[in-house]
């Protein structure tokens, strides 16, 4: 699974708010949760598997956040 971030509203044919996943086996793009309200500049995973995104945004998955 590939996770991409940026400033977009569509990934492939999926409606996705600035963060999305791509499954290279099936070729399907999907929204990641309810998305992020502005620009994602970086995405990484922690050793425990948690996904972390950074950028210029104040909402992620419906929760208030600070970048």
Protein backbone atom coordinates (compact mmCIF):
# COMPACT_ATOMS: atom_id res chain seq x y z
CA UNK A 1 0.00 0.00 0.00
CA UNK A 2 1.32 3.43 -0.97
CA UNK A 3 0.18 6.54 0.93
CA UNK A 4 0.43 9.90 -0.86
CA UNK A 5 -0.16 13.41 0.40
CA UNK A 6 -0.31 16.81 -1.23
CA UNK A 7 -2.94 19.37 -2.11
CA UNK A 8 -5.60 17.54 -4.10
CA UNK A 9 -9.26 16.58 -3.99
CA UNK A 10 -9.14 13.63 -6.41
CA UNK A 11 -6.71 10.67 -6.44
CA UNK A 12 -7.22 8.49 -9.48
CA UNK A 13 -11.01 8.27 -9.56
CA UNK A 14 -11.45 8.57 -5.76
CA UNK A 15 -12.56 11.72 -3.98
CA UNK A 16 -9.79 12.26 -1.41
CA UNK A 17 -8.89 15.33 0.65
CA UNK A 18 -5.10 15.80 0.43
CA UNK A 19 -4.19 12.25 1.50
CA UNK A 20 -4.92 8.94 -0.22
CA UNK A 21 -3.81 5.35 -0.61
CA UNK A 22 -2.94 3.41 -3.73
CA UNK A 23 -2.95 -0.38 -3.91
CA UNK A 24 -0.48 -1.35 -6.68
CA UNK A 25 -1.86 -4.90 -6.85
CA UNK A 26 -5.45 -3.84 -7.57
CA UNK A 27 -4.65 -0.43 -9.07
CA UNK A 28 -7.27 1.18 -6.82
CA UNK A 29 -6.98 4.64 -5.25
CA UNK A 30 -8.90 5.29 -2.00
CA UNK A 31 -9.43 8.20 0.35
CA UNK A 32 -7.62 7.88 3.66
CA UNK A 33 -10.33 8.48 6.25
CA UNK A 34 -12.04 11.84 5.94
CA UNK A 35 -8.81 13.47 4.82
CA UNK A 36 -6.93 16.64 5.68
CA UNK A 37 -8.13 20.20 5.15
CA UNK A 38 -5.07 21.65 3.42
CA UNK A 39 -1.58 20.68 2.16
CA UNK A 40 0.29 17.54 3.23
CA UNK A 41 4.05 18.05 2.79
CA UNK A 42 5.38 14.80 4.32
CA UNK A 43 4.12 11.32 5.20
CA UNK A 44 6.02 8.62 7.08
CA UNK A 45 5.42 5.59 9.26
CA UNK A 46 6.72 5.10 12.78
CA UNK A 47 8.40 1.82 13.82
CA UNK A 48 5.10 0.70 15.40
CA UNK A 49 3.29 1.19 12.06
CA UNK A 50 1.49 4.44 12.91
CA UNK A 51 1.18 6.88 10.00
CA UNK A 52 2.35 10.47 10.56
CA UNK A 53 1.62 13.38 8.22
CA UNK A 54 3.03 16.89 8.37
CA UNK A 55 2.22 20.04 6.47
CA UNK A 56 0.02 23.09 6.48
CA UNK A 57 -3.31 21.94 7.93
CA UNK A 58 -5.53 22.33 10.99
CA UNK A 59 -7.92 19.38 10.52
CA UNK A 60 -7.00 15.72 10.05
CA UNK A 61 -9.65 13.05 10.12
CA UNK A 62 -12.09 15.56 11.57
CA UNK A 63 -9.82 16.33 14.56
CA UNK A 64 -8.22 19.70 15.25
CA UNK A 65 -4.45 19.47 14.84
CA UNK A 66 -1.50 21.81 14.53
CA UNK A 67 0.34 20.93 11.32
